[in-house]
N, C-alpha and C. Protein backbone atom coordinates (compact mmCIF):
# COMPACT_ATOMS: atom_id res chain seq x y z
N MET A 1 16.54 10.28 -16.55
CA MET A 1 16.05 9.09 -17.22
C MET A 1 15.24 8.25 -16.23
N GLU A 2 14.04 7.89 -16.60
CA GLU A 2 13.20 7.05 -15.75
C GLU A 2 13.71 5.62 -15.81
N MET A 3 13.80 4.96 -14.64
CA MET A 3 14.26 3.58 -14.60
C MET A 3 13.08 2.67 -14.33
N LYS A 4 13.17 1.46 -14.79
CA LYS A 4 12.10 0.49 -14.58
C LYS A 4 12.21 -0.07 -13.16
N PRO A 5 11.13 -0.02 -12.37
CA PRO A 5 11.15 -0.57 -11.02
C PRO A 5 11.37 -2.08 -11.06
N THR A 6 11.97 -2.61 -9.97
CA THR A 6 12.22 -4.04 -9.90
C THR A 6 11.06 -4.81 -9.29
N ALA A 7 10.27 -4.18 -8.47
CA ALA A 7 9.14 -4.86 -7.83
C ALA A 7 7.87 -4.59 -8.62
N CYS A 8 6.89 -5.38 -8.33
CA CYS A 8 5.57 -5.12 -8.90
C CYS A 8 5.05 -3.85 -8.22
N VAL A 9 4.78 -2.83 -8.99
CA VAL A 9 4.25 -1.59 -8.43
C VAL A 9 2.74 -1.68 -8.47
N ILE A 10 2.12 -1.51 -7.32
CA ILE A 10 0.67 -1.58 -7.18
C ILE A 10 0.15 -0.16 -7.01
N ARG A 11 -0.76 0.26 -7.86
CA ARG A 11 -1.33 1.60 -7.74
C ARG A 11 -2.70 1.50 -7.07
N ILE A 12 -2.86 2.30 -6.04
CA ILE A 12 -4.13 2.35 -5.31
C ILE A 12 -4.71 3.74 -5.53
N GLU A 13 -5.92 3.81 -5.99
CA GLU A 13 -6.52 5.10 -6.33
C GLU A 13 -7.37 5.67 -5.20
N SER A 14 -7.17 5.19 -4.00
CA SER A 14 -7.90 5.76 -2.87
C SER A 14 -6.90 6.24 -1.83
N LYS A 15 -7.33 7.17 -1.03
CA LYS A 15 -6.47 7.70 0.02
C LYS A 15 -6.34 6.66 1.13
N LEU A 16 -5.20 6.70 1.83
CA LEU A 16 -4.94 5.77 2.92
C LEU A 16 -5.91 6.04 4.06
N SER A 17 -6.52 5.00 4.56
CA SER A 17 -7.39 5.14 5.72
C SER A 17 -6.92 4.19 6.80
N ALA A 18 -7.32 4.46 8.02
CA ALA A 18 -6.92 3.61 9.13
C ALA A 18 -7.34 2.18 8.85
N GLY A 19 -6.42 1.26 9.05
CA GLY A 19 -6.72 -0.14 8.83
C GLY A 19 -6.68 -0.57 7.38
N ALA A 20 -6.23 0.32 6.49
CA ALA A 20 -6.16 -0.04 5.07
C ALA A 20 -5.16 -1.17 4.88
N PRO A 21 -5.45 -2.10 3.99
CA PRO A 21 -4.54 -3.23 3.79
C PRO A 21 -3.21 -2.79 3.20
N LEU A 22 -2.15 -3.44 3.62
CA LEU A 22 -0.83 -3.18 3.08
C LEU A 22 -0.50 -4.24 2.05
N PRO A 23 0.44 -3.94 1.18
CA PRO A 23 0.80 -4.92 0.15
C PRO A 23 1.57 -6.08 0.75
N PRO A 24 1.65 -7.20 0.04
CA PRO A 24 2.51 -8.29 0.51
C PRO A 24 3.97 -7.83 0.45
N ALA A 25 4.83 -8.48 1.21
CA ALA A 25 6.25 -8.13 1.20
C ALA A 25 6.78 -8.19 -0.23
N GLY A 26 7.64 -7.24 -0.56
CA GLY A 26 8.22 -7.20 -1.90
C GLY A 26 7.41 -6.46 -2.93
N ARG A 27 6.30 -5.87 -2.55
CA ARG A 27 5.46 -5.10 -3.47
C ARG A 27 5.48 -3.64 -3.03
N PHE A 28 5.63 -2.75 -3.98
CA PHE A 28 5.70 -1.32 -3.72
C PHE A 28 4.33 -0.73 -4.02
N LEU A 29 3.65 -0.22 -3.00
CA LEU A 29 2.29 0.28 -3.13
C LEU A 29 2.32 1.79 -3.30
N VAL A 30 1.79 2.28 -4.41
CA VAL A 30 1.74 3.71 -4.70
C VAL A 30 0.33 4.20 -4.40
N ARG A 31 0.23 5.17 -3.51
CA ARG A 31 -1.06 5.75 -3.14
C ARG A 31 -1.40 6.93 -4.05
N GLU A 32 -2.63 7.38 -3.96
CA GLU A 32 -3.12 8.49 -4.77
C GLU A 32 -2.24 9.74 -4.62
N TYR A 33 -1.71 9.98 -3.42
CA TYR A 33 -0.91 11.18 -3.19
C TYR A 33 0.39 11.19 -3.99
N PHE A 34 0.87 10.04 -4.41
CA PHE A 34 2.08 9.97 -5.24
C PHE A 34 1.87 10.81 -6.50
N ALA A 35 0.73 10.64 -7.13
CA ALA A 35 0.41 11.42 -8.34
C ALA A 35 0.03 12.86 -7.99
N GLU A 36 -0.70 13.05 -6.89
CA GLU A 36 -1.12 14.40 -6.50
C GLU A 36 0.06 15.33 -6.29
N PHE A 37 1.16 14.80 -5.76
CA PHE A 37 2.36 15.60 -5.52
C PHE A 37 3.33 15.55 -6.69
N HIS A 38 2.92 14.95 -7.80
CA HIS A 38 3.72 14.86 -9.03
C HIS A 38 5.06 14.17 -8.80
N LEU A 39 5.04 13.12 -7.98
CA LEU A 39 6.24 12.34 -7.73
C LEU A 39 6.45 11.35 -8.87
N LYS A 40 7.69 11.05 -9.17
CA LYS A 40 8.04 10.07 -10.20
C LYS A 40 8.99 9.06 -9.57
N LEU A 41 8.65 7.79 -9.70
CA LEU A 41 9.51 6.73 -9.19
C LEU A 41 10.68 6.56 -10.16
N ILE A 42 11.89 6.77 -9.67
CA ILE A 42 13.09 6.67 -10.49
C ILE A 42 13.70 5.28 -10.35
N GLU A 43 13.74 4.78 -9.11
CA GLU A 43 14.39 3.49 -8.86
C GLU A 43 13.88 2.94 -7.53
N GLU A 44 13.80 1.63 -7.44
CA GLU A 44 13.52 0.96 -6.17
C GLU A 44 13.99 -0.49 -6.27
N ASN A 45 14.40 -1.03 -5.13
CA ASN A 45 14.86 -2.42 -5.08
C ASN A 45 14.11 -3.21 -4.02
N VAL A 46 12.86 -2.87 -3.81
CA VAL A 46 12.06 -3.47 -2.75
C VAL A 46 12.00 -4.99 -2.87
N ALA A 47 11.77 -5.51 -4.06
CA ALA A 47 11.67 -6.96 -4.24
C ALA A 47 13.03 -7.62 -4.37
N ALA A 48 14.00 -6.91 -4.91
CA ALA A 48 15.30 -7.51 -5.20
C ALA A 48 16.20 -7.63 -3.98
N ALA A 49 15.98 -6.83 -2.96
CA ALA A 49 16.84 -6.84 -1.78
C ALA A 49 16.63 -8.12 -0.97
N GLY A 50 17.70 -8.63 -0.40
CA GLY A 50 17.61 -9.80 0.48
C GLY A 50 16.97 -9.41 1.80
N PRO A 51 16.66 -10.40 2.66
CA PRO A 51 15.93 -10.14 3.90
C PRO A 51 16.57 -9.11 4.83
N GLU A 52 17.91 -9.03 4.89
CA GLU A 52 18.56 -8.09 5.79
C GLU A 52 19.22 -6.94 5.04
N GLU A 53 18.96 -6.81 3.76
CA GLU A 53 19.58 -5.76 2.96
C GLU A 53 18.77 -4.47 2.99
N VAL A 54 19.45 -3.39 2.67
CA VAL A 54 18.83 -2.07 2.62
C VAL A 54 17.96 -1.95 1.36
N ARG A 55 16.76 -1.43 1.54
CA ARG A 55 15.88 -1.11 0.41
C ARG A 55 16.11 0.35 0.06
N VAL A 56 16.30 0.63 -1.21
CA VAL A 56 16.55 2.00 -1.67
C VAL A 56 15.43 2.39 -2.63
N VAL A 57 14.86 3.56 -2.38
CA VAL A 57 13.83 4.11 -3.25
C VAL A 57 14.27 5.51 -3.65
N LYS A 58 14.25 5.79 -4.95
CA LYS A 58 14.58 7.12 -5.45
C LYS A 58 13.35 7.69 -6.13
N VAL A 59 13.02 8.93 -5.73
CA VAL A 59 11.81 9.59 -6.21
C VAL A 59 12.17 10.99 -6.69
N ARG A 60 11.70 11.35 -7.87
CA ARG A 60 11.86 12.73 -8.35
C ARG A 60 10.64 13.51 -7.87
N ALA A 61 10.90 14.72 -7.33
CA ALA A 61 9.83 15.55 -6.80
C ALA A 61 10.00 16.99 -7.27
N PRO A 62 8.89 17.71 -7.45
CA PRO A 62 8.99 19.13 -7.78
C PRO A 62 9.73 19.89 -6.67
N ALA A 63 10.24 21.05 -6.99
CA ALA A 63 11.04 21.84 -6.04
C ALA A 63 10.28 22.20 -4.77
N ASP A 64 8.96 22.36 -4.86
CA ASP A 64 8.19 22.77 -3.68
C ASP A 64 7.63 21.59 -2.88
N VAL A 65 8.04 20.37 -3.21
CA VAL A 65 7.56 19.18 -2.50
C VAL A 65 8.70 18.59 -1.68
N VAL A 66 8.40 18.27 -0.43
CA VAL A 66 9.36 17.66 0.48
C VAL A 66 8.92 16.22 0.70
N VAL A 67 9.88 15.30 0.64
CA VAL A 67 9.61 13.88 0.79
C VAL A 67 10.33 13.38 2.04
N ALA A 68 9.71 12.46 2.76
CA ALA A 68 10.31 11.86 3.95
C ALA A 68 9.88 10.40 4.00
N GLY A 69 10.47 9.65 4.90
CA GLY A 69 10.10 8.26 5.06
C GLY A 69 10.36 7.79 6.47
N ASP A 70 9.77 6.66 6.82
CA ASP A 70 10.09 6.01 8.09
C ASP A 70 9.81 4.53 7.98
N ILE A 71 10.24 3.79 8.98
CA ILE A 71 9.96 2.36 9.07
C ILE A 71 9.41 2.11 10.47
N ARG A 72 8.35 1.30 10.55
CA ARG A 72 7.65 1.08 11.82
C ARG A 72 7.43 -0.40 12.07
N ASP A 73 7.26 -0.73 13.35
CA ASP A 73 6.91 -2.10 13.70
C ASP A 73 5.40 -2.26 13.59
N GLU A 74 4.90 -3.45 13.91
CA GLU A 74 3.46 -3.72 13.77
C GLU A 74 2.61 -2.87 14.70
N ALA A 75 3.20 -2.35 15.79
CA ALA A 75 2.46 -1.49 16.71
C ALA A 75 2.49 -0.02 16.28
N GLY A 76 3.24 0.29 15.21
CA GLY A 76 3.31 1.65 14.71
C GLY A 76 4.45 2.48 15.26
N ASN A 77 5.38 1.86 15.99
CA ASN A 77 6.51 2.59 16.57
C ASN A 77 7.62 2.78 15.53
N LYS A 78 8.08 4.03 15.40
CA LYS A 78 9.17 4.31 14.47
C LYS A 78 10.44 3.60 14.92
N GLN A 79 11.21 3.13 13.95
CA GLN A 79 12.42 2.34 14.23
C GLN A 79 13.67 3.10 13.77
N ARG A 80 14.06 4.09 14.55
CA ARG A 80 15.30 4.81 14.25
C ARG A 80 16.45 3.99 14.78
N PRO A 81 17.58 3.96 14.16
CA PRO A 81 18.07 4.62 12.95
C PRO A 81 18.07 3.70 11.73
N TYR A 82 16.93 3.09 11.44
CA TYR A 82 16.83 2.15 10.33
C TYR A 82 16.18 2.74 9.08
N TYR A 83 16.11 4.06 9.02
CA TYR A 83 15.66 4.74 7.81
C TYR A 83 16.36 6.09 7.72
N VAL A 84 16.57 6.53 6.50
CA VAL A 84 17.22 7.82 6.27
C VAL A 84 16.78 8.32 4.89
N TYR A 85 16.72 9.63 4.72
CA TYR A 85 16.34 10.20 3.43
C TYR A 85 17.07 11.51 3.22
N ALA A 86 17.35 11.81 1.97
CA ALA A 86 18.07 13.05 1.62
C ALA A 86 17.71 13.46 0.20
N ARG A 87 17.84 14.75 -0.04
CA ARG A 87 17.54 15.30 -1.37
C ARG A 87 18.82 15.74 -2.05
N GLU A 88 18.90 15.42 -3.33
CA GLU A 88 19.98 15.91 -4.17
C GLU A 88 19.34 16.42 -5.45
N GLY A 89 19.25 17.72 -5.58
CA GLY A 89 18.54 18.30 -6.72
C GLY A 89 17.06 17.97 -6.65
N GLU A 90 16.53 17.38 -7.72
CA GLU A 90 15.11 17.00 -7.76
C GLU A 90 14.86 15.61 -7.19
N VAL A 91 15.91 14.87 -6.88
CA VAL A 91 15.76 13.46 -6.51
C VAL A 91 15.95 13.24 -5.01
N TRP A 92 14.96 12.60 -4.42
CA TRP A 92 15.02 12.16 -3.03
C TRP A 92 15.44 10.70 -3.00
N THR A 93 16.43 10.38 -2.17
CA THR A 93 16.84 9.00 -1.98
C THR A 93 16.45 8.60 -0.56
N LEU A 94 15.65 7.55 -0.46
CA LEU A 94 15.19 7.04 0.83
C LEU A 94 15.75 5.65 1.01
N ARG A 95 16.31 5.37 2.19
CA ARG A 95 16.90 4.06 2.47
C ARG A 95 16.24 3.49 3.72
N PHE A 96 15.90 2.21 3.65
CA PHE A 96 15.20 1.52 4.73
C PHE A 96 15.92 0.21 5.02
N SER A 97 16.18 -0.06 6.30
CA SER A 97 16.87 -1.28 6.71
C SER A 97 16.02 -2.00 7.75
N PRO A 98 15.86 -3.32 7.65
CA PRO A 98 15.03 -4.02 8.65
C PRO A 98 15.70 -3.99 10.03
N PRO A 99 14.98 -3.60 11.08
CA PRO A 99 15.54 -3.52 12.42
C PRO A 99 15.80 -4.88 13.08
N GLY A 100 15.41 -5.96 12.48
CA GLY A 100 15.60 -7.30 13.04
C GLY A 100 14.59 -8.25 12.43
N LYS A 101 14.43 -9.38 13.07
CA LYS A 101 13.47 -10.37 12.59
C LYS A 101 12.05 -9.83 12.76
N GLY A 102 11.23 -10.06 11.75
CA GLY A 102 9.84 -9.63 11.85
C GLY A 102 9.33 -8.97 10.59
N ARG A 103 8.17 -8.34 10.74
CA ARG A 103 7.48 -7.66 9.65
C ARG A 103 7.55 -6.16 9.94
N TRP A 104 8.06 -5.40 8.97
CA TRP A 104 8.28 -3.97 9.14
C TRP A 104 7.56 -3.21 8.04
N TYR A 105 7.06 -2.03 8.38
CA TYR A 105 6.26 -1.24 7.45
C TYR A 105 7.01 0.05 7.10
N ALA A 106 7.39 0.17 5.85
CA ALA A 106 8.11 1.36 5.37
C ALA A 106 7.13 2.26 4.63
N ARG A 107 7.18 3.55 4.96
CA ARG A 107 6.27 4.50 4.32
C ARG A 107 7.04 5.70 3.79
N ILE A 108 6.53 6.24 2.71
CA ILE A 108 7.09 7.44 2.11
C ILE A 108 5.99 8.50 2.15
N TYR A 109 6.33 9.67 2.68
CA TYR A 109 5.38 10.76 2.85
C TYR A 109 5.76 11.93 1.94
N ALA A 110 4.79 12.77 1.62
CA ALA A 110 5.05 13.97 0.83
C ALA A 110 4.24 15.12 1.40
N LYS A 111 4.80 16.32 1.26
CA LYS A 111 4.10 17.54 1.66
C LYS A 111 4.65 18.71 0.87
N ARG A 112 3.90 19.77 0.81
CA ARG A 112 4.39 21.02 0.21
C ARG A 112 5.32 21.68 1.24
N GLU A 113 6.28 22.44 0.77
CA GLU A 113 7.23 23.09 1.68
C GLU A 113 6.54 23.91 2.75
N GLU A 114 5.45 24.57 2.39
CA GLU A 114 4.77 25.44 3.35
C GLU A 114 3.92 24.68 4.38
N ASP A 115 3.65 23.40 4.13
CA ASP A 115 2.86 22.61 5.08
C ASP A 115 3.70 22.28 6.31
N GLU A 116 3.05 22.27 7.47
CA GLU A 116 3.76 21.97 8.71
C GLU A 116 4.04 20.49 8.88
N ARG A 117 3.08 19.65 8.51
CA ARG A 117 3.18 18.22 8.81
C ARG A 117 3.10 17.38 7.54
N TYR A 118 3.61 16.16 7.69
CA TYR A 118 3.46 15.16 6.63
C TYR A 118 2.15 14.42 6.87
N ASP A 119 1.09 14.87 6.23
CA ASP A 119 -0.22 14.24 6.41
C ASP A 119 -0.56 13.25 5.30
N HIS A 120 0.35 13.06 4.34
CA HIS A 120 0.02 12.27 3.16
C HIS A 120 1.01 11.12 2.94
N THR A 121 0.50 9.89 2.99
CA THR A 121 1.32 8.73 2.64
C THR A 121 1.26 8.58 1.13
N ALA A 122 2.42 8.71 0.48
CA ALA A 122 2.48 8.64 -0.97
C ALA A 122 2.74 7.22 -1.46
N ALA A 123 3.49 6.44 -0.67
CA ALA A 123 3.82 5.07 -1.06
C ALA A 123 4.22 4.29 0.18
N GLU A 124 4.18 2.97 0.08
CA GLU A 124 4.57 2.13 1.21
C GLU A 124 4.90 0.73 0.74
N PHE A 125 5.60 0.01 1.60
CA PHE A 125 5.91 -1.39 1.32
C PHE A 125 6.23 -2.09 2.63
N VAL A 126 6.21 -3.41 2.57
CA VAL A 126 6.45 -4.25 3.75
C VAL A 126 7.79 -4.96 3.57
N ILE A 127 8.56 -5.01 4.65
CA ILE A 127 9.80 -5.78 4.68
C ILE A 127 9.59 -6.92 5.66
N GLU A 128 9.83 -8.14 5.21
CA GLU A 128 9.80 -9.30 6.10
C GLU A 128 11.23 -9.80 6.25
N SER A 129 11.71 -9.83 7.49
CA SER A 129 13.08 -10.25 7.76
C SER A 129 13.07 -11.47 8.67
N GLU A 130 13.84 -12.45 8.30
CA GLU A 130 13.92 -13.70 9.07
C GLU A 130 15.11 -13.74 10.01
N GLY A 131 15.97 -12.74 9.94
CA GLY A 131 17.21 -12.84 10.71
C GLY A 131 17.57 -11.58 11.45
N ALA A 132 18.86 -11.33 11.48
CA ALA A 132 19.41 -10.21 12.22
C ALA A 132 19.01 -8.88 11.58
N ALA A 133 19.23 -7.83 12.34
CA ALA A 133 18.94 -6.49 11.84
C ALA A 133 19.86 -6.15 10.68
N GLY A 134 19.34 -5.34 9.79
CA GLY A 134 20.16 -4.80 8.71
C GLY A 134 21.04 -3.70 9.27
N PRO A 135 21.80 -3.04 8.43
CA PRO A 135 22.71 -2.00 8.92
C PRO A 135 21.97 -0.77 9.45
N VAL A 136 22.59 -0.13 10.44
CA VAL A 136 22.10 1.14 10.95
C VAL A 136 22.39 2.18 9.88
N LEU A 137 21.44 3.06 9.62
CA LEU A 137 21.58 4.06 8.56
C LEU A 137 21.78 5.45 9.16
N ARG A 138 22.65 6.20 8.55
CA ARG A 138 22.91 7.57 9.02
C ARG A 138 22.93 8.51 7.83
């Protein structure tokens, strides 16, 4: 069953390019690759989560598509262990936690099983946190 997203979902019909603008905090940006890989947004709490709470995104993907995610600082450095993702059947669950005070960039990637690298950003959103780090995710 498809669930209604809680945040304003913004659809962008162009591929991500260097320096492309990101959405304001609390907005879930869907890139062209989301549709290309036949992904379906099942659930997300990007706008509803508090500043230090975990954001959860659930995506349905075809069997031959692999989904991953990460969270980065403004310099582009990955912030482990503040993101985690796992597949259960057709549904990928991705969890993102703010590493501390600041602006954080969460991205969701997709690739075919046979592809070596995640070259496609399917969706992204910004987390703005005013306080302590959210929980470490495992």
